[in-house]
Each structure stands twice: as structure tokens, then as C-alpha cells.
Amino acid sequence: MAITRNNPNTIWLGGDRTVVGDIAVVAALVPGALVQRDYVTGVVRWKAAAADIDGPPAVLLEQAYVNQGYATAYGVGDLADVAVLHKGATAWMFVASGATIEHGDLLGSGGTDGQLKLGATKALFTALERVVGPYAAGTRIRVEAL
């Protein structure tokens, strides 16, 4: 008998993390996106990660303190809860649409949309489940920080 894997309905799944909650977002972003700090004209904000970032694996969390779920986007200027994941921490994050991802595949930043992709120059995560492509944009999978 097969075991059905249900969506966890939360972004951070386990492991050590550092939560940063005093920086706003520069654009509307959905929890589960890979983010990086952006410094423009003296202001630090979170933005969707660019391609092949060499920074820490930071994921946008849901707005639990205002009773919002994992699918509710942050608005421009909202203070964001971001988890900087330590090695071995797990999260439910977006992957770029495309080919099949196998358990154990290395994933990195997929570009300016905060999604993860196969074949990135700098691996930040490893896949913890298999996703058969082609799959739709907006697909999340369980990943582990490297």
C-alpha cells in the first residue's frame, strides 16, 4: 500500500533557523520563496533571490502573527518573517517548472522569482522528495538546507 504525502501547509518544517522579522519586502512575495537582502538607497529590504546567489538559504515564512496562511502574499512594504535556515533545516519551497526532480537532487536559486532549480551553479538545498515533470509553476517541495 502506498503512503500519500500531504501538503504540510506550513513553510518551515524543522531544524535550526534564525528568524528575521524586522525587514520589509520590496515587492509582493508569496511564502515559500527563496529571498535575499536588497540594499537600495540606504534601505534594506527582502527581494526574491536572483540567479545563483551565494548567500544564506533564506525562505519567506507565512504571516502567522496576522493569521495568514502559506498561500497569502505579503504586500509591498510589509514586514516579513524570514527564516535563515541552518544546515539540515527543512522547508517547503517553490521549484521552477520543468523537468523531474529526484530525491537528493541539488537545488539552487532559479532566478529573480524566488524559485529553486536543478543545475544551479551554487547549490543551497537538496530535494527531499521526487516531483515528476512537467509540473506547474507554483509547485512546492520539501527541501533541506545544505
C-alpha atoms as a PDB file:
ATOM      1  CA  MET A   1       0.000   0.000   0.000  1.00  0.00           C
ATOM      2  CA  ALA A   2       1.333   3.450  -0.922  1.00  0.00           C
ATOM      3  CA  ILE A   3       1.513   6.230   1.619  1.00  0.00           C
ATOM      4  CA  THR A   4       0.078   9.548   0.448  1.00  0.00           C
ATOM      5  CA  ARG A   5       2.257  12.581   1.189  1.00  0.00           C
ATOM      6  CA  ASN A   6       0.011  15.502   2.029  1.00  0.00           C
ATOM      7  CA  ASN A   7       0.990  19.140   1.785  1.00  0.00           C
ATOM      8  CA  PRO A   8       2.379  20.313   5.136  1.00  0.00           C
ATOM      9  CA  ASN A   9       0.580  23.701   4.830  1.00  0.00           C
ATOM     10  CA  THR A  10       3.483  25.475   6.530  1.00  0.00           C
ATOM     11  CA  ILE A  11       6.796  26.666   5.119  1.00  0.00           C
ATOM     12  CA  TRP A  12       9.311  25.861   7.871  1.00  0.00           C
ATOM     13  CA  LEU A  13       9.228  22.136   8.590  1.00  0.00           C
ATOM     14  CA  GLY A  14      12.002  21.627  11.132  1.00  0.00           C
ATOM     15  CA  GLY A  15      15.608  22.124  12.155  1.00  0.00           C
ATOM     16  CA  ASP A  16      17.549  25.127  13.354  1.00  0.00           C
ATOM     17  CA  ARG A  17      16.776  28.520  11.905  1.00  0.00           C
ATOM     18  CA  THR A  18      17.238  32.187  12.632  1.00  0.00           C
ATOM     19  CA  VAL A  19      14.052  34.204  12.127  1.00  0.00           C
ATOM     20  CA  VAL A  20      14.371  37.799  10.962  1.00  0.00           C
ATOM     21  CA  GLY A  21      11.156  39.787  11.291  1.00  0.00           C
ATOM     22  CA  ASP A  22      12.121  43.452  11.139  1.00  0.00           C
ATOM     23  CA  ILE A  23      12.774  43.941   7.414  1.00  0.00           C
ATOM     24  CA  ALA A  24      10.078  44.772   4.842  1.00  0.00           C
ATOM     25  CA  VAL A  25       9.625  43.230   1.394  1.00  0.00           C
ATOM     26  CA  VAL A  26      10.401  45.229  -1.723  1.00  0.00           C
ATOM     27  CA  ALA A  27       7.660  43.552  -3.818  1.00  0.00           C
ATOM     28  CA  ALA A  28       4.627  41.332  -3.332  1.00  0.00           C
ATOM     29  CA  LEU A  29       6.013  37.883  -2.419  1.00  0.00           C
ATOM     30  CA  VAL A  30       4.414  34.552  -1.526  1.00  0.00           C
ATOM     31  CA  PRO A  31       5.692  32.435   1.394  1.00  0.00           C
ATOM     32  CA  GLY A  32       7.978  29.642   0.266  1.00  0.00           C
ATOM     33  CA  ALA A  33      10.097  31.903  -1.941  1.00  0.00           C
ATOM     34  CA  LEU A  34      13.877  31.991  -1.633  1.00  0.00           C
ATOM     35  CA  VAL A  35      14.757  35.564  -0.668  1.00  0.00           C
ATOM     36  CA  GLN A  36      17.843  37.705  -0.247  1.00  0.00           C
ATOM     37  CA  ARG A  37      18.505  41.101   1.290  1.00  0.00           C
ATOM     38  CA  ASP A  38      18.399  44.063  -1.052  1.00  0.00           C
ATOM     39  CA  TYR A  39      20.136  47.353  -0.212  1.00  0.00           C
ATOM     40  CA  VAL A  40      18.868  50.291  -2.239  1.00  0.00           C
ATOM     41  CA  THR A  41      19.267  53.987  -1.382  1.00  0.00           C
ATOM     42  CA  GLY A  42      20.041  53.314   2.255  1.00  0.00           C
ATOM     43  CA  VAL A  43      17.150  50.909   2.846  1.00  0.00           C
ATOM     44  CA  VAL A  44      17.476  47.152   3.401  1.00  0.00           C
ATOM     45  CA  ARG A  45      14.538  45.037   2.198  1.00  0.00           C
ATOM     46  CA  TRP A  46      13.856  41.433   1.179  1.00  0.00           C
ATOM     47  CA  LYS A  47      13.523  40.608  -2.527  1.00  0.00           C
ATOM     48  CA  ALA A  48      13.094  37.379  -4.471  1.00  0.00           C
ATOM     49  CA  ALA A  49      16.518  35.818  -4.865  1.00  0.00           C
ATOM     50  CA  ALA A  50      18.484  36.401  -8.055  1.00  0.00           C
ATOM     51  CA  ALA A  51      20.077  33.571 -10.026  1.00  0.00           C
ATOM     52  CA  ASP A  52      22.863  31.624  -8.312  1.00  0.00           C
ATOM     53  CA  ILE A  53      23.053  33.652  -5.114  1.00  0.00           C
ATOM     54  CA  ASP A  54      25.925  32.838  -2.786  1.00  0.00           C
ATOM     55  CA  GLY A  55      24.113  33.975   0.344  1.00  0.00           C
ATOM     56  CA  PRO A  56      22.392  32.082   3.122  1.00  0.00           C
ATOM     57  CA  PRO A  57      19.353  29.903   2.361  1.00  0.00           C
ATOM     58  CA  ALA A  58      16.619  32.315   3.461  1.00  0.00           C
ATOM     59  CA  VAL A  59      12.948  31.450   2.940  1.00  0.00           C
ATOM     60  CA  LEU A  60       9.899  33.689   3.302  1.00  0.00           C
ATOM     61  CA  LEU A  61       7.562  32.327   6.004  1.00  0.00           C
ATOM     62  CA  GLU A  62       3.807  32.693   6.279  1.00  0.00           C
ATOM     63  CA  GLN A  63       2.370  35.629   8.252  1.00  0.00           C
ATOM     64  CA  ALA A  64       1.225  33.584  11.234  1.00  0.00           C
ATOM     65  CA  TYR A  65       1.136  36.605  13.566  1.00  0.00           C
ATOM     66  CA  VAL A  66      -1.713  38.107  11.493  1.00  0.00           C
ATOM     67  CA  ASN A  67      -3.439  34.747  10.986  1.00  0.00           C
ATOM     68  CA  GLN A  68      -2.449  34.347   7.324  1.00  0.00           C
ATOM     69  CA  GLY A  69      -1.658  31.023   5.672  1.00  0.00           C
ATOM     70  CA  TYR A  70       1.127  29.816   3.433  1.00  0.00           C
ATOM     71  CA  ALA A  71      -0.665  30.961   0.250  1.00  0.00           C
ATOM     72  CA  THR A  72      -1.236  34.594   1.298  1.00  0.00           C
ATOM     73  CA  ALA A  73       1.221  37.007  -0.316  1.00  0.00           C
ATOM     74  CA  TYR A  74       2.990  39.801   1.517  1.00  0.00           C
ATOM     75  CA  GLY A  75       2.239  43.273   0.191  1.00  0.00           C
ATOM     76  CA  VAL A  76       4.922  45.787  -0.774  1.00  0.00           C
ATOM     77  CA  GLY A  77       6.385  47.246   2.411  1.00  0.00           C
ATOM     78  CA  ASP A  78       5.010  44.575   4.768  1.00  0.00           C
ATOM     79  CA  LEU A  79       7.387  43.427   7.483  1.00  0.00           C
ATOM     80  CA  ALA A  80       8.312  39.855   6.597  1.00  0.00           C
ATOM     81  CA  ASP A  81       9.136  36.812   8.694  1.00  0.00           C
ATOM     82  CA  VAL A  82      12.128  35.175   7.025  1.00  0.00           C
ATOM     83  CA  ALA A  83      13.863  32.019   8.223  1.00  0.00           C
ATOM     84  CA  VAL A  84      17.579  31.820   7.558  1.00  0.00           C
ATOM     85  CA  LEU A  85      17.929  28.049   7.547  1.00  0.00           C
ATOM     86  CA  HIS A  86      20.882  26.371   9.201  1.00  0.00           C
ATOM     87  CA  LYS A  87      22.431  23.224   7.711  1.00  0.00           C
ATOM     88  CA  GLY A  88      19.948  20.349   7.904  1.00  0.00           C
ATOM     89  CA  ALA A  89      16.844  22.520   8.405  1.00  0.00           C
ATOM     90  CA  THR A  90      13.889  21.685   6.178  1.00  0.00           C
ATOM     91  CA  ALA A  91      11.316  23.826   4.396  1.00  0.00           C
ATOM     92  CA  TRP A  92       8.523  23.630   1.831  1.00  0.00           C
ATOM     93  CA  MET A  93       9.692  25.832  -1.062  1.00  0.00           C
ATOM     94  CA  PHE A  94       8.864  26.710  -4.666  1.00  0.00           C
ATOM     95  CA  VAL A  95      10.623  24.998  -7.562  1.00  0.00           C
ATOM     96  CA  ALA A  96      10.827  26.326 -11.096  1.00  0.00           C
ATOM     97  CA  SER A  97       8.567  24.460 -13.519  1.00  0.00           C
ATOM     98  CA  GLY A  98      10.292  21.908 -15.672  1.00  0.00           C
ATOM     99  CA  ALA A  99      11.929  18.508 -15.607  1.00  0.00           C
ATOM    100  CA  THR A 100      11.633  15.785 -12.976  1.00  0.00           C
ATOM    101  CA  ILE A 101      13.327  16.422  -9.630  1.00  0.00           C
ATOM    102  CA  GLU A 102      14.591  13.332  -7.828  1.00  0.00           C
ATOM    103  CA  HIS A 103      15.095  12.852  -4.095  1.00  0.00           C
ATOM    104  CA  GLY A 104      18.641  14.033  -3.348  1.00  0.00           C
ATOM    105  CA  ASP A 105      18.977  16.404  -6.319  1.00  0.00           C
ATOM    106  CA  LEU A 106      20.874  19.615  -5.578  1.00  0.00           C
ATOM    107  CA  LEU A 107      18.872  22.828  -5.985  1.00  0.00           C
ATOM    108  CA  GLY A 108      19.856  26.488  -6.114  1.00  0.00           C
ATOM    109  CA  SER A 109      18.292  29.813  -6.951  1.00  0.00           C
ATOM    110  CA  GLY A 110      16.280  29.755 -10.158  1.00  0.00           C
ATOM    111  CA  GLY A 111      16.417  33.465 -10.893  1.00  0.00           C
ATOM    112  CA  THR A 112      14.500  36.548  -9.873  1.00  0.00           C
ATOM    113  CA  ASP A 113      11.281  34.764  -8.881  1.00  0.00           C
ATOM    114  CA  GLY A 114      12.487  33.099  -5.673  1.00  0.00           C
ATOM    115  CA  GLN A 115      12.098  29.585  -7.072  1.00  0.00           C
ATOM    116  CA  LEU A 116      14.658  26.790  -6.835  1.00  0.00           C
ATOM    117  CA  LYS A 117      16.044  24.978  -9.871  1.00  0.00           C
ATOM    118  CA  LEU A 118      18.159  21.999 -10.835  1.00  0.00           C
ATOM    119  CA  GLY A 119      21.619  22.695 -12.192  1.00  0.00           C
ATOM    120  CA  ALA A 120      22.265  25.934 -10.324  1.00  0.00           C
ATOM    121  CA  THR A 121      25.921  26.934 -10.033  1.00  0.00           C
ATOM    122  CA  LYS A 122      25.614  27.260  -6.258  1.00  0.00           C
ATOM    123  CA  ALA A 123      23.574  24.544  -4.532  1.00  0.00           C
ATOM    124  CA  LEU A 124      21.743  25.713  -1.397  1.00  0.00           C
ATOM    125  CA  PHE A 125      19.326  22.811  -0.886  1.00  0.00           C
ATOM    126  CA  THR A 126      18.794  19.137  -1.578  1.00  0.00           C
ATOM    127  CA  ALA A 127      15.383  17.783  -2.619  1.00  0.00           C
ATOM    128  CA  LEU A 128      13.641  15.557  -0.052  1.00  0.00           C
ATOM    129  CA  GLU A 129      11.031  14.232  -2.458  1.00  0.00           C
ATOM    130  CA  ARG A 130      10.516  13.378  -6.094  1.00  0.00           C
ATOM    131  CA  VAL A 131       8.441  15.602  -8.350  1.00  0.00           C
ATOM    132  CA  VAL A 132       7.667  14.296 -11.827  1.00  0.00           C
ATOM    133  CA  GLY A 133       7.698  16.918 -14.556  1.00  0.00           C
ATOM    134  CA  PRO A 134       6.439  18.686 -16.328  1.00  0.00           C
ATOM    135  CA  TYR A 135       4.829  20.313 -13.328  1.00  0.00           C
ATOM    136  CA  ALA A 136       3.167  23.691 -12.985  1.00  0.00           C
ATOM    137  CA  ALA A 137       4.730  26.921 -11.811  1.00  0.00           C
ATOM    138  CA  GLY A 138       3.990  27.428  -8.134  1.00  0.00           C
ATOM    139  CA  THR A 139       4.810  23.834  -7.158  1.00  0.00           C
ATOM    140  CA  ARG A 140       6.379  23.450  -3.708  1.00  0.00           C
ATOM    141  CA  ILE A 141       8.545  20.573  -2.497  1.00  0.00           C
ATOM    142  CA  ARG A 142      10.268  19.654   0.744  1.00  0.00           C
ATOM    143  CA  VAL A 143      13.943  20.659   0.735  1.00  0.00           C
ATOM    144  CA  GLU A 144      16.854  20.502   3.173  1.00  0.00           C
ATOM    145  CA  ALA A 145      19.394  23.321   3.576  1.00  0.00           C
ATOM    146  CA  LEU A 146      23.000  22.430   2.800  1.00  0.00           C
END
